[in-house]
Amino acid sequence: MATIKTAYLGDLRTKATHIQSGTEILTNAPVDNQGKGEAFSPTDLVAASLGSCMMTIMGIVANRENLDLRGMSMDITKIMTSTPPRAIAKIEIKFDFHSIKLDENQRIKLKNAALTCPVSLSLDGDIIQDIDFGW
């Protein structure tokens, strides 16, 4: 059974609906690729998925270790190739743990969890994943 139902809305826009929850995500092509940049582009969602996946898996480890990661945040930068074919060349993620105190062992566990999240492991090896934990 499908997980997501997606419809093309015209004007380089799509609407993806998560079937179980009904949550919707709109996409629009970016301005550098004939779009209006009025929503996440599909490649933006790839970068966001990587960051969200890392945070989620770190959250699972934190729950197991009785750690509170609320307040953790990140900045994500997606960099596209400069020559055809158009593709994601690099995803930069900079974590901010400024409000969370972690010892070295906790940091190692969280870093390992992030770097082995399912999205990270699923991305093509040609995509550089530049992750700064900012401990």
N, C-alpha and C. Protein backbone atom coordinates (compact mmCIF):
# COMPACT_ATOMS: atom_id res chain seq x y z
N MET A 1 0.84 -1.18 0.00
CA MET A 1 0.00 0.00 0.00
C MET A 1 0.89 1.25 0.00
N ALA A 2 0.46 2.25 -0.71
CA ALA A 2 1.23 3.50 -0.82
C ALA A 2 1.33 4.21 0.52
N THR A 3 2.41 4.93 0.71
CA THR A 3 2.64 5.75 1.90
C THR A 3 2.28 7.21 1.63
N ILE A 4 2.51 7.64 0.38
CA ILE A 4 2.34 9.04 -0.01
C ILE A 4 1.59 9.10 -1.34
N LYS A 5 0.68 10.02 -1.44
CA LYS A 5 -0.03 10.29 -2.70
C LYS A 5 0.37 11.69 -3.13
N THR A 6 0.89 11.83 -4.35
CA THR A 6 1.36 13.12 -4.84
C THR A 6 0.62 13.50 -6.11
N ALA A 7 0.25 14.77 -6.18
CA ALA A 7 -0.46 15.31 -7.34
C ALA A 7 0.32 16.48 -7.92
N TYR A 8 0.36 16.56 -9.25
CA TYR A 8 0.96 17.70 -9.93
C TYR A 8 -0.10 18.79 -10.03
N LEU A 9 0.22 19.98 -9.52
CA LEU A 9 -0.73 21.08 -9.48
C LEU A 9 -0.57 22.06 -10.64
N GLY A 10 0.43 21.83 -11.47
CA GLY A 10 0.75 22.77 -12.54
C GLY A 10 1.72 23.82 -12.04
N ASP A 11 2.28 24.57 -12.96
CA ASP A 11 3.21 25.66 -12.61
C ASP A 11 4.40 25.16 -11.79
N LEU A 12 4.85 23.93 -12.07
CA LEU A 12 6.01 23.31 -11.40
C LEU A 12 5.79 23.11 -9.91
N ARG A 13 4.53 22.88 -9.52
CA ARG A 13 4.16 22.66 -8.12
C ARG A 13 3.59 21.26 -7.94
N THR A 14 3.86 20.66 -6.78
CA THR A 14 3.25 19.39 -6.43
C THR A 14 2.70 19.47 -5.02
N LYS A 15 1.77 18.56 -4.72
CA LYS A 15 1.26 18.42 -3.36
C LYS A 15 1.37 16.95 -2.99
N ALA A 16 2.16 16.67 -1.98
CA ALA A 16 2.32 15.30 -1.49
C ALA A 16 1.51 15.17 -0.20
N THR A 17 0.73 14.12 -0.11
CA THR A 17 -0.10 13.88 1.07
C THR A 17 0.33 12.57 1.72
N HIS A 18 0.68 12.66 3.00
CA HIS A 18 1.00 11.48 3.79
C HIS A 18 -0.32 10.79 4.10
N ILE A 19 -0.51 9.59 3.56
CA ILE A 19 -1.81 8.93 3.62
C ILE A 19 -2.27 8.67 5.05
N GLN A 20 -1.39 8.19 5.91
CA GLN A 20 -1.80 7.85 7.27
C GLN A 20 -2.27 9.06 8.07
N SER A 21 -1.57 10.19 7.94
CA SER A 21 -1.89 11.35 8.77
C SER A 21 -2.67 12.44 8.04
N GLY A 22 -2.61 12.44 6.72
CA GLY A 22 -3.23 13.51 5.95
C GLY A 22 -2.39 14.77 5.84
N THR A 23 -1.21 14.76 6.42
CA THR A 23 -0.32 15.92 6.35
C THR A 23 0.12 16.15 4.90
N GLU A 24 0.17 17.42 4.51
CA GLU A 24 0.51 17.77 3.14
C GLU A 24 1.79 18.59 3.07
N ILE A 25 2.54 18.36 2.00
CA ILE A 25 3.74 19.14 1.71
C ILE A 25 3.62 19.64 0.28
N LEU A 26 3.78 20.95 0.10
CA LEU A 26 3.81 21.52 -1.23
C LEU A 26 5.25 21.70 -1.66
N THR A 27 5.51 21.48 -2.95
CA THR A 27 6.84 21.77 -3.50
C THR A 27 6.68 22.70 -4.68
N ASN A 28 7.75 23.40 -4.97
CA ASN A 28 7.81 24.27 -6.15
C ASN A 28 9.25 24.27 -6.63
N ALA A 29 9.43 24.27 -7.93
CA ALA A 29 10.79 24.34 -8.46
C ALA A 29 11.47 25.61 -7.97
N PRO A 30 12.77 25.54 -7.73
CA PRO A 30 13.49 26.74 -7.27
C PRO A 30 13.64 27.77 -8.38
N VAL A 31 13.90 29.00 -7.99
CA VAL A 31 14.02 30.07 -8.98
C VAL A 31 15.18 29.84 -9.95
N ASP A 32 16.20 29.12 -9.52
CA ASP A 32 17.32 28.86 -10.43
C ASP A 32 17.04 27.69 -11.38
N ASN A 33 15.82 27.15 -11.31
CA ASN A 33 15.44 26.06 -12.22
C ASN A 33 14.00 26.24 -12.70
N GLN A 34 13.68 27.46 -13.12
CA GLN A 34 12.43 27.81 -13.76
C GLN A 34 11.23 27.90 -12.82
N GLY A 35 11.44 27.79 -11.52
CA GLY A 35 10.34 27.85 -10.57
C GLY A 35 10.19 29.22 -9.93
N LYS A 36 9.25 29.28 -9.01
CA LYS A 36 9.00 30.52 -8.28
C LYS A 36 9.61 30.51 -6.88
N GLY A 37 10.10 29.36 -6.43
CA GLY A 37 10.70 29.27 -5.11
C GLY A 37 9.72 29.56 -3.99
N GLU A 38 8.44 29.25 -4.21
CA GLU A 38 7.40 29.56 -3.22
C GLU A 38 7.22 28.48 -2.16
N ALA A 39 7.97 27.40 -2.27
CA ALA A 39 7.89 26.30 -1.30
C ALA A 39 9.20 25.53 -1.37
N PHE A 40 9.31 24.52 -0.53
CA PHE A 40 10.47 23.64 -0.63
C PHE A 40 10.55 23.10 -2.05
N SER A 41 11.76 22.99 -2.59
CA SER A 41 11.94 22.26 -3.84
C SER A 41 12.10 20.79 -3.48
N PRO A 42 11.93 19.89 -4.43
CA PRO A 42 12.15 18.48 -4.12
C PRO A 42 13.54 18.20 -3.54
N THR A 43 14.57 18.89 -4.07
CA THR A 43 15.91 18.66 -3.52
C THR A 43 16.08 19.29 -2.14
N ASP A 44 15.34 20.36 -1.86
CA ASP A 44 15.33 20.91 -0.49
C ASP A 44 14.82 19.84 0.48
N LEU A 45 13.79 19.11 0.05
CA LEU A 45 13.22 18.08 0.92
C LEU A 45 14.22 16.96 1.19
N VAL A 46 15.08 16.67 0.21
CA VAL A 46 16.13 15.66 0.45
C VAL A 46 17.05 16.14 1.58
N ALA A 47 17.48 17.39 1.49
CA ALA A 47 18.37 17.95 2.51
C ALA A 47 17.66 18.01 3.87
N ALA A 48 16.41 18.45 3.86
CA ALA A 48 15.64 18.51 5.11
C ALA A 48 15.43 17.11 5.69
N SER A 49 15.21 16.14 4.81
CA SER A 49 15.03 14.76 5.26
C SER A 49 16.29 14.24 5.95
N LEU A 50 17.44 14.57 5.40
CA LEU A 50 18.69 14.14 6.03
C LEU A 50 18.78 14.72 7.44
N GLY A 51 18.56 16.01 7.57
CA GLY A 51 18.65 16.63 8.89
C GLY A 51 17.61 16.10 9.86
N SER A 52 16.38 15.96 9.40
CA SER A 52 15.32 15.45 10.27
C SER A 52 15.58 14.01 10.69
N CYS A 53 16.09 13.23 9.77
CA CYS A 53 16.40 11.84 10.08
C CYS A 53 17.50 11.76 11.15
N MET A 54 18.54 12.58 10.97
CA MET A 54 19.63 12.60 11.96
C MET A 54 19.09 12.97 13.33
N MET A 55 18.27 14.02 13.39
CA MET A 55 17.71 14.44 14.68
C MET A 55 16.81 13.36 15.28
N THR A 56 16.03 12.71 14.45
CA THR A 56 15.11 11.68 14.95
C THR A 56 15.87 10.50 15.54
N ILE A 57 16.89 10.03 14.84
CA ILE A 57 17.67 8.89 15.34
C ILE A 57 18.44 9.30 16.59
N MET A 58 18.95 10.52 16.62
CA MET A 58 19.59 11.01 17.84
C MET A 58 18.58 11.07 18.98
N GLY A 59 17.35 11.46 18.68
CA GLY A 59 16.29 11.48 19.69
C GLY A 59 15.99 10.11 20.25
N ILE A 60 16.02 9.10 19.38
CA ILE A 60 15.81 7.72 19.85
C ILE A 60 16.90 7.32 20.82
N VAL A 61 18.15 7.63 20.47
CA VAL A 61 19.28 7.34 21.38
C VAL A 61 19.14 8.14 22.66
N ALA A 62 18.78 9.40 22.54
CA ALA A 62 18.62 10.26 23.73
C ALA A 62 17.55 9.70 24.67
N ASN A 63 16.44 9.24 24.12
CA ASN A 63 15.39 8.64 24.96
C ASN A 63 15.92 7.43 25.70
N ARG A 64 16.67 6.60 25.00
CA ARG A 64 17.25 5.40 25.63
C ARG A 64 18.24 5.78 26.73
N GLU A 65 18.98 6.87 26.51
CA GLU A 65 20.02 7.31 27.46
C GLU A 65 19.49 8.32 28.48
N ASN A 66 18.19 8.58 28.43
CA ASN A 66 17.55 9.53 29.35
C ASN A 66 18.15 10.94 29.22
N LEU A 67 18.35 11.37 27.97
CA LEU A 67 18.86 12.71 27.68
C LEU A 67 17.73 13.55 27.09
N ASP A 68 17.76 14.83 27.35
CA ASP A 68 16.78 15.74 26.79
C ASP A 68 17.46 16.60 25.73
N LEU A 69 17.08 16.40 24.48
CA LEU A 69 17.70 17.15 23.38
C LEU A 69 16.87 18.35 22.93
N ARG A 70 15.81 18.65 23.67
CA ARG A 70 15.02 19.83 23.29
C ARG A 70 15.92 21.06 23.29
N GLY A 71 15.78 21.85 22.26
CA GLY A 71 16.65 23.02 22.08
C GLY A 71 17.73 22.78 21.04
N MET A 72 17.99 21.51 20.70
CA MET A 72 18.94 21.22 19.62
C MET A 72 18.35 21.77 18.33
N SER A 73 19.20 22.37 17.52
CA SER A 73 18.74 22.87 16.22
C SER A 73 19.85 22.65 15.21
N MET A 74 19.54 22.96 13.96
CA MET A 74 20.55 22.83 12.91
C MET A 74 20.24 23.80 11.78
N ASP A 75 21.28 24.16 11.07
CA ASP A 75 21.16 24.90 9.83
C ASP A 75 21.59 23.96 8.71
N ILE A 76 20.82 23.93 7.63
CA ILE A 76 21.11 23.03 6.51
C ILE A 76 21.32 23.87 5.26
N THR A 77 22.41 23.58 4.55
CA THR A 77 22.68 24.22 3.28
C THR A 77 22.81 23.14 2.21
N LYS A 78 22.04 23.28 1.15
CA LYS A 78 22.07 22.35 0.03
C LYS A 78 22.81 23.02 -1.11
N ILE A 79 23.77 22.34 -1.68
CA ILE A 79 24.56 22.88 -2.78
C ILE A 79 24.37 21.97 -3.99
N MET A 80 23.95 22.57 -5.09
CA MET A 80 23.72 21.82 -6.32
C MET A 80 24.99 21.78 -7.17
N THR A 81 25.07 20.81 -8.07
CA THR A 81 26.20 20.74 -8.99
C THR A 81 26.20 21.99 -9.87
N SER A 82 27.37 22.39 -10.31
CA SER A 82 27.48 23.58 -11.16
C SER A 82 27.43 23.23 -12.64
N THR A 83 27.57 21.96 -12.96
CA THR A 83 27.50 21.52 -14.35
C THR A 83 26.45 20.42 -14.48
N PRO A 84 25.85 20.29 -15.66
CA PRO A 84 24.85 19.24 -15.85
C PRO A 84 25.46 17.85 -15.68
N PRO A 85 24.71 16.87 -15.29
CA PRO A 85 23.28 16.96 -14.98
C PRO A 85 23.06 17.57 -13.60
N ARG A 86 21.94 18.24 -13.43
CA ARG A 86 21.59 18.90 -12.18
C ARG A 86 21.39 17.85 -11.09
N ALA A 87 22.09 18.02 -9.99
CA ALA A 87 22.01 17.07 -8.88
C ALA A 87 22.50 17.75 -7.61
N ILE A 88 22.21 17.15 -6.48
CA ILE A 88 22.75 17.64 -5.22
C ILE A 88 24.22 17.25 -5.15
N ALA A 89 25.08 18.21 -4.95
CA ALA A 89 26.52 17.94 -4.83
C ALA A 89 26.92 17.77 -3.37
N LYS A 90 26.29 18.59 -2.50
CA LYS A 90 26.73 18.61 -1.10
C LYS A 90 25.59 19.07 -0.21
N ILE A 91 25.51 18.47 0.96
CA ILE A 91 24.59 18.93 2.00
C ILE A 91 25.43 19.24 3.24
N GLU A 92 25.35 20.48 3.68
CA GLU A 92 26.07 20.91 4.88
C GLU A 92 25.06 21.04 6.02
N ILE A 93 25.39 20.44 7.14
CA ILE A 93 24.54 20.53 8.32
C ILE A 93 25.40 21.01 9.48
N LYS A 94 24.92 22.07 10.14
CA LYS A 94 25.61 22.60 11.32
C LYS A 94 24.65 22.51 12.50
N PHE A 95 24.94 21.60 13.41
CA PHE A 95 24.13 21.43 14.60
C PHE A 95 24.44 22.52 15.61
N ASP A 96 23.46 22.81 16.44
CA ASP A 96 23.63 23.74 17.56
C ASP A 96 23.10 23.06 18.82
N PHE A 97 24.02 22.72 19.70
CA PHE A 97 23.69 22.08 20.97
C PHE A 97 23.94 23.05 22.13
N HIS A 98 23.92 24.36 21.86
CA HIS A 98 24.35 25.34 22.86
C HIS A 98 23.65 25.22 24.20
N SER A 99 22.44 24.74 24.23
CA SER A 99 21.70 24.68 25.50
C SER A 99 21.72 23.29 26.12
N ILE A 100 22.52 22.38 25.55
CA ILE A 100 22.51 20.99 26.02
C ILE A 100 23.91 20.60 26.48
N LYS A 101 24.00 20.11 27.70
CA LYS A 101 25.29 19.66 28.23
C LYS A 101 25.41 18.16 28.01
N LEU A 102 26.49 17.78 27.31
CA LEU A 102 26.73 16.38 26.99
C LEU A 102 28.17 16.03 27.32
N ASP A 103 28.37 14.82 27.86
CA ASP A 103 29.74 14.37 28.09
C ASP A 103 30.26 13.71 26.80
N GLU A 104 31.52 13.37 26.78
CA GLU A 104 32.15 12.84 25.56
C GLU A 104 31.50 11.54 25.10
N ASN A 105 31.15 10.65 26.01
CA ASN A 105 30.51 9.39 25.66
C ASN A 105 29.14 9.63 25.01
N GLN A 106 28.38 10.56 25.54
CA GLN A 106 27.07 10.90 24.96
C GLN A 106 27.23 11.50 23.57
N ARG A 107 28.24 12.33 23.41
CA ARG A 107 28.50 12.94 22.10
C ARG A 107 28.82 11.88 21.05
N ILE A 108 29.65 10.91 21.44
CA ILE A 108 30.03 9.84 20.51
C ILE A 108 28.79 9.04 20.09
N LYS A 109 27.94 8.70 21.04
CA LYS A 109 26.72 7.93 20.73
C LYS A 109 25.80 8.71 19.81
N LEU A 110 25.63 10.00 20.08
CA LEU A 110 24.74 10.82 19.26
C LEU A 110 25.31 11.02 17.86
N LYS A 111 26.59 11.24 17.76
CA LYS A 111 27.24 11.41 16.46
C LYS A 111 27.11 10.15 15.63
N ASN A 112 27.36 9.00 16.23
CA ASN A 112 27.24 7.73 15.51
C ASN A 112 25.80 7.51 15.05
N ALA A 113 24.85 7.84 15.90
CA ALA A 113 23.44 7.69 15.53
C ALA A 113 23.11 8.56 14.32
N ALA A 114 23.55 9.81 14.34
CA ALA A 114 23.27 10.73 13.24
C ALA A 114 23.88 10.25 11.94
N LEU A 115 25.13 9.84 12.00
CA LEU A 115 25.84 9.47 10.77
C LEU A 115 25.38 8.14 10.19
N THR A 116 24.60 7.38 10.96
CA THR A 116 24.10 6.10 10.46
C THR A 116 22.57 6.11 10.33
N CYS A 117 21.98 7.30 10.24
CA CYS A 117 20.53 7.36 10.06
C CYS A 117 20.17 6.81 8.68
N PRO A 118 18.96 6.30 8.51
CA PRO A 118 18.58 5.69 7.23
C PRO A 118 18.71 6.60 6.02
N VAL A 119 18.42 7.88 6.16
CA VAL A 119 18.55 8.78 5.00
C VAL A 119 20.02 8.94 4.63
N SER A 120 20.87 9.13 5.61
CA SER A 120 22.30 9.27 5.34
C SER A 120 22.83 8.04 4.61
N LEU A 121 22.42 6.88 5.07
CA LEU A 121 22.89 5.63 4.46
C LEU A 121 22.27 5.39 3.08
N SER A 122 21.17 6.05 2.78
CA SER A 122 20.47 5.85 1.51
C SER A 122 20.91 6.81 0.41
N LEU A 123 21.54 7.92 0.79
CA LEU A 123 21.96 8.90 -0.22
C LEU A 123 23.13 8.38 -1.05
N ASP A 124 23.14 8.76 -2.30
CA ASP A 124 24.22 8.39 -3.20
C ASP A 124 25.56 8.81 -2.61
N GLY A 125 26.56 7.99 -2.77
CA GLY A 125 27.89 8.29 -2.24
C GLY A 125 28.55 9.50 -2.85
N ASP A 126 28.04 9.96 -3.99
CA ASP A 126 28.59 11.16 -4.63
C ASP A 126 28.14 12.44 -3.92
N ILE A 127 27.11 12.36 -3.10
CA ILE A 127 26.64 13.53 -2.37
C ILE A 127 27.49 13.68 -1.11
N ILE A 128 28.20 14.77 -1.01
CA ILE A 128 29.03 15.03 0.16
C ILE A 128 28.12 15.42 1.31
N GLN A 129 28.27 14.74 2.43
CA GLN A 129 27.53 15.07 3.65
C GLN A 129 28.54 15.69 4.63
N ASP A 130 28.53 17.00 4.72
CA ASP A 130 29.45 17.74 5.57
C ASP A 130 28.71 18.10 6.85
N ILE A 131 28.99 17.35 7.91
CA ILE A 131 28.24 17.47 9.16
C ILE A 131 29.14 18.05 10.22
N ASP A 132 28.71 19.19 10.80
CA ASP A 132 29.42 19.87 11.89
C ASP A 132 28.56 19.78 13.14
N PHE A 133 29.02 19.01 14.11
CA PHE A 133 28.24 18.83 15.33
C PHE A 133 28.43 20.01 16.29
N GLY A 134 29.45 20.78 16.11
CA GLY A 134 29.62 22.00 16.90
C GLY A 134 29.68 21.78 18.40
N TRP A 135 30.24 20.67 18.79
CA TRP A 135 30.31 20.40 20.23
C TRP A 135 31.10 21.52 20.87
